[in-house]
Amino acid sequence: MDGLHGTRALGRYGEELAARYLRERGLEIIARNWTCPDGELDLIARDGDCLVVCEVKTRRGTGVGDPLEAVTWDKVRRLRRLTAAYLRERPEPVREVRIDVIGVLARRGQRPVLRHVEAVGS
């Protein structure tokens, strides 16, 4: 962890931990860092028949707040718009969609702590 410098590397590290966490819980990762002109979705997974869009927020500490606090109502609305854009590109229909957030607290010299909130803004 000490070798991570910059927010991009920290973000990639958090996304990798989050993807591993989701896979360990039986979800299938189907896309990472999906982009469109309006923005990016960090992780897209399948949980049975449910499509799960997962926003990952990684922080080194809580000086600017808990990682989960970075996902405001405005961010949730943006995630909904991006999810709709993703669904428009999919050839097959999706029955259920869920937006999750994983907060990763990656303090130097300590084991990372992940917190997973399912169905934000529902």
C-alpha atoms as a PDB file:
ATOM      1  CA  MET A   1       0.000   0.000   0.000  1.00  0.00           C
ATOM      2  CA  ASP A   2       2.854   2.391   0.742  1.00  0.00           C
ATOM      3  CA  GLY A   3       3.806   2.270  -2.933  1.00  0.00           C
ATOM      4  CA  LEU A   4       0.556   3.915  -3.966  1.00  0.00           C
ATOM      5  CA  HIS A   5       1.026   7.516  -4.984  1.00  0.00           C
ATOM      6  CA  GLY A   6      -1.628   9.799  -6.372  1.00  0.00           C
ATOM      7  CA  THR A   7      -5.358   9.574  -6.478  1.00  0.00           C
ATOM      8  CA  ARG A   8      -5.499   7.497  -9.683  1.00  0.00           C
ATOM      9  CA  ALA A   9      -3.356   4.722  -8.237  1.00  0.00           C
ATOM     10  CA  LEU A  10      -5.324   4.815  -5.004  1.00  0.00           C
ATOM     11  CA  GLY A  11      -8.585   4.657  -6.960  1.00  0.00           C
ATOM     12  CA  ARG A  12      -7.391   1.692  -9.034  1.00  0.00           C
ATOM     13  CA  TYR A  13      -6.301  -0.062  -5.849  1.00  0.00           C
ATOM     14  CA  GLY A  14      -9.723   0.484  -4.252  1.00  0.00           C
ATOM     15  CA  GLU A  15     -11.538  -0.694  -7.360  1.00  0.00           C
ATOM     16  CA  GLU A  16      -9.457  -3.866  -7.468  1.00  0.00           C
ATOM     17  CA  LEU A  17     -10.244  -4.578  -3.801  1.00  0.00           C
ATOM     18  CA  ALA A  18     -13.941  -3.884  -4.417  1.00  0.00           C
ATOM     19  CA  ALA A  19     -14.042  -6.168  -7.477  1.00  0.00           C
ATOM     20  CA  ARG A  20     -12.387  -8.962  -5.503  1.00  0.00           C
ATOM     21  CA  TYR A  21     -14.826  -8.412  -2.617  1.00  0.00           C
ATOM     22  CA  LEU A  22     -17.830  -8.637  -4.962  1.00  0.00           C
ATOM     23  CA  ARG A  23     -16.482 -11.767  -6.693  1.00  0.00           C
ATOM     24  CA  GLU A  24     -15.937 -13.409  -3.299  1.00  0.00           C
ATOM     25  CA  ARG A  25     -19.633 -12.786  -2.578  1.00  0.00           C
ATOM     26  CA  GLY A  26     -20.695 -14.501  -5.784  1.00  0.00           C
ATOM     27  CA  LEU A  27     -21.172 -11.527  -8.106  1.00  0.00           C
ATOM     28  CA  GLU A  28     -19.817 -11.674 -11.631  1.00  0.00           C
ATOM     29  CA  ILE A  29     -17.928  -8.568 -12.759  1.00  0.00           C
ATOM     30  CA  ILE A  30     -19.050  -7.812 -16.316  1.00  0.00           C
ATOM     31  CA  ALA A  31     -17.464  -4.383 -16.873  1.00  0.00           C
ATOM     32  CA  ARG A  32     -14.919  -2.097 -15.239  1.00  0.00           C
ATOM     33  CA  ASN A  33     -14.546   1.623 -15.817  1.00  0.00           C
ATOM     34  CA  TRP A  34     -17.330   1.792 -18.412  1.00  0.00           C
ATOM     35  CA  THR A  35     -17.349   5.251 -19.952  1.00  0.00           C
ATOM     36  CA  CYS A  36     -19.649   7.363 -22.053  1.00  0.00           C
ATOM     37  CA  PRO A  37     -19.559  11.090 -22.853  1.00  0.00           C
ATOM     38  CA  ASP A  38     -21.355  11.846 -19.563  1.00  0.00           C
ATOM     39  CA  GLY A  39     -18.989   9.988 -17.231  1.00  0.00           C
ATOM     40  CA  GLU A  40     -17.818   6.649 -15.897  1.00  0.00           C
ATOM     41  CA  LEU A  41     -19.195   3.700 -13.961  1.00  0.00           C
ATOM     42  CA  ASP A  42     -16.544   2.017 -11.805  1.00  0.00           C
ATOM     43  CA  LEU A  43     -17.839  -1.563 -11.662  1.00  0.00           C
ATOM     44  CA  ILE A  44     -20.784  -3.307 -13.268  1.00  0.00           C
ATOM     45  CA  ALA A  45     -21.656  -6.747 -11.981  1.00  0.00           C
ATOM     46  CA  ARG A  46     -24.333  -9.387 -12.118  1.00  0.00           C
ATOM     47  CA  ASP A  47     -25.913 -10.675  -8.905  1.00  0.00           C
ATOM     48  CA  GLY A  48     -28.196 -13.425 -10.177  1.00  0.00           C
ATOM     49  CA  ASP A  49     -30.774 -11.658 -12.374  1.00  0.00           C
ATOM     50  CA  CYS A  50     -29.847  -8.241 -10.957  1.00  0.00           C
ATOM     51  CA  LEU A  51     -27.471  -5.854 -12.691  1.00  0.00           C
ATOM     52  CA  VAL A  52     -25.392  -4.079 -10.040  1.00  0.00           C
ATOM     53  CA  VAL A  53     -23.685  -0.767 -10.742  1.00  0.00           C
ATOM     54  CA  CYS A  54     -21.083  -0.134  -8.062  1.00  0.00           C
ATOM     55  CA  GLU A  55     -19.435   3.186  -7.279  1.00  0.00           C
ATOM     56  CA  VAL A  56     -16.137   2.796  -5.425  1.00  0.00           C
ATOM     57  CA  LYS A  57     -14.727   5.561  -3.224  1.00  0.00           C
ATOM     58  CA  THR A  58     -11.269   5.080  -1.758  1.00  0.00           C
ATOM     59  CA  ARG A  59      -9.577   7.278   0.818  1.00  0.00           C
ATOM     60  CA  ARG A  60      -6.318   7.086   2.773  1.00  0.00           C
ATOM     61  CA  GLY A  61      -7.993   8.531   5.863  1.00  0.00           C
ATOM     62  CA  THR A  62     -11.106  10.257   7.126  1.00  0.00           C
ATOM     63  CA  GLY A  63      -9.718  13.809   7.239  1.00  0.00           C
ATOM     64  CA  VAL A  64     -12.138  14.839   4.473  1.00  0.00           C
ATOM     65  CA  GLY A  65     -14.799  12.402   5.669  1.00  0.00           C
ATOM     66  CA  ASP A  66     -15.596   8.733   5.357  1.00  0.00           C
ATOM     67  CA  PRO A  67     -15.298   7.402   1.788  1.00  0.00           C
ATOM     68  CA  LEU A  68     -19.037   6.681   1.689  1.00  0.00           C
ATOM     69  CA  GLU A  69     -19.796  10.324   2.502  1.00  0.00           C
ATOM     70  CA  ALA A  70     -18.346  11.288  -0.883  1.00  0.00           C
ATOM     71  CA  VAL A  71     -21.429   9.825  -2.560  1.00  0.00           C
ATOM     72  CA  THR A  72     -23.936  12.657  -2.284  1.00  0.00           C
ATOM     73  CA  TRP A  73     -27.510  12.723  -3.593  1.00  0.00           C
ATOM     74  CA  ASP A  74     -26.218  14.576  -6.650  1.00  0.00           C
ATOM     75  CA  LYS A  75     -23.750  11.749  -7.277  1.00  0.00           C
ATOM     76  CA  VAL A  76     -26.535   9.165  -6.901  1.00  0.00           C
ATOM     77  CA  ARG A  77     -28.625  11.031  -9.492  1.00  0.00           C
ATOM     78  CA  ARG A  78     -25.608  11.083 -11.812  1.00  0.00           C
ATOM     79  CA  LEU A  79     -25.089   7.342 -11.283  1.00  0.00           C
ATOM     80  CA  ARG A  80     -28.734   6.768 -12.226  1.00  0.00           C
ATOM     81  CA  ARG A  81     -28.270   8.735 -15.463  1.00  0.00           C
ATOM     82  CA  LEU A  82     -25.078   6.841 -16.302  1.00  0.00           C
ATOM     83  CA  THR A  83     -26.771   3.530 -15.513  1.00  0.00           C
ATOM     84  CA  ALA A  84     -29.607   4.436 -17.897  1.00  0.00           C
ATOM     85  CA  ALA A  85     -27.020   5.220 -20.596  1.00  0.00           C
ATOM     86  CA  TYR A  86     -25.339   1.853 -19.993  1.00  0.00           C
ATOM     87  CA  LEU A  87     -28.683   0.033 -20.208  1.00  0.00           C
ATOM     88  CA  ARG A  88     -29.486   1.723 -23.537  1.00  0.00           C
ATOM     89  CA  GLU A  89     -26.313   0.138 -24.977  1.00  0.00           C
ATOM     90  CA  ARG A  90     -27.144  -3.384 -23.779  1.00  0.00           C
ATOM     91  CA  PRO A  91     -28.770  -5.671 -26.333  1.00  0.00           C
ATOM     92  CA  GLU A  92     -30.525  -7.865 -23.755  1.00  0.00           C
ATOM     93  CA  PRO A  93     -33.144  -6.585 -21.314  1.00  0.00           C
ATOM     94  CA  VAL A  94     -32.410  -6.304 -17.616  1.00  0.00           C
ATOM     95  CA  ARG A  95     -35.124  -7.067 -15.070  1.00  0.00           C
ATOM     96  CA  GLU A  96     -33.623  -5.560 -11.961  1.00  0.00           C
ATOM     97  CA  VAL A  97     -30.972  -2.883 -11.425  1.00  0.00           C
ATOM     98  CA  ARG A  98     -29.293  -1.875  -8.191  1.00  0.00           C
ATOM     99  CA  ILE A  99     -26.781   0.883  -7.461  1.00  0.00           C
ATOM    100  CA  ASP A 100     -24.301   0.057  -4.699  1.00  0.00           C
ATOM    101  CA  VAL A 101     -21.432   1.962  -3.147  1.00  0.00           C
ATOM    102  CA  ILE A 102     -18.266   0.484  -1.693  1.00  0.00           C
ATOM    103  CA  GLY A 103     -16.135   2.689   0.513  1.00  0.00           C
ATOM    104  CA  VAL A 104     -12.512   1.663   0.925  1.00  0.00           C
ATOM    105  CA  LEU A 105     -10.443   3.093   3.745  1.00  0.00           C
ATOM    106  CA  ALA A 106      -6.809   2.323   2.891  1.00  0.00           C
ATOM    107  CA  ARG A 107      -4.660   3.713   5.678  1.00  0.00           C
ATOM    108  CA  ARG A 108      -0.926   3.276   5.278  1.00  0.00           C
ATOM    109  CA  GLY A 109       0.439   0.300   7.155  1.00  0.00           C
ATOM    110  CA  GLN A 110      -3.038  -1.050   7.956  1.00  0.00           C
ATOM    111  CA  ARG A 111      -5.289  -3.583   6.396  1.00  0.00           C
ATOM    112  CA  PRO A 112      -7.884  -1.896   4.119  1.00  0.00           C
ATOM    113  CA  VAL A 113     -11.449  -1.642   5.416  1.00  0.00           C
ATOM    114  CA  LEU A 114     -14.325  -2.033   2.963  1.00  0.00           C
ATOM    115  CA  ARG A 115     -17.907  -0.977   3.631  1.00  0.00           C
ATOM    116  CA  HIS A 116     -20.605  -1.974   1.174  1.00  0.00           C
ATOM    117  CA  VAL A 117     -23.957  -0.197   0.950  1.00  0.00           C
ATOM    118  CA  GLU A 118     -26.509  -1.823  -1.328  1.00  0.00           C
ATOM    119  CA  ALA A 119     -29.276  -0.060  -3.226  1.00  0.00           C
ATOM    120  CA  VAL A 120     -28.358   3.551  -2.486  1.00  0.00           C
ATOM    121  CA  GLY A 121     -31.031   6.094  -3.205  1.00  0.00           C
ATOM    122  CA  SER A 122     -33.806   3.504  -3.501  1.00  0.00           C
END
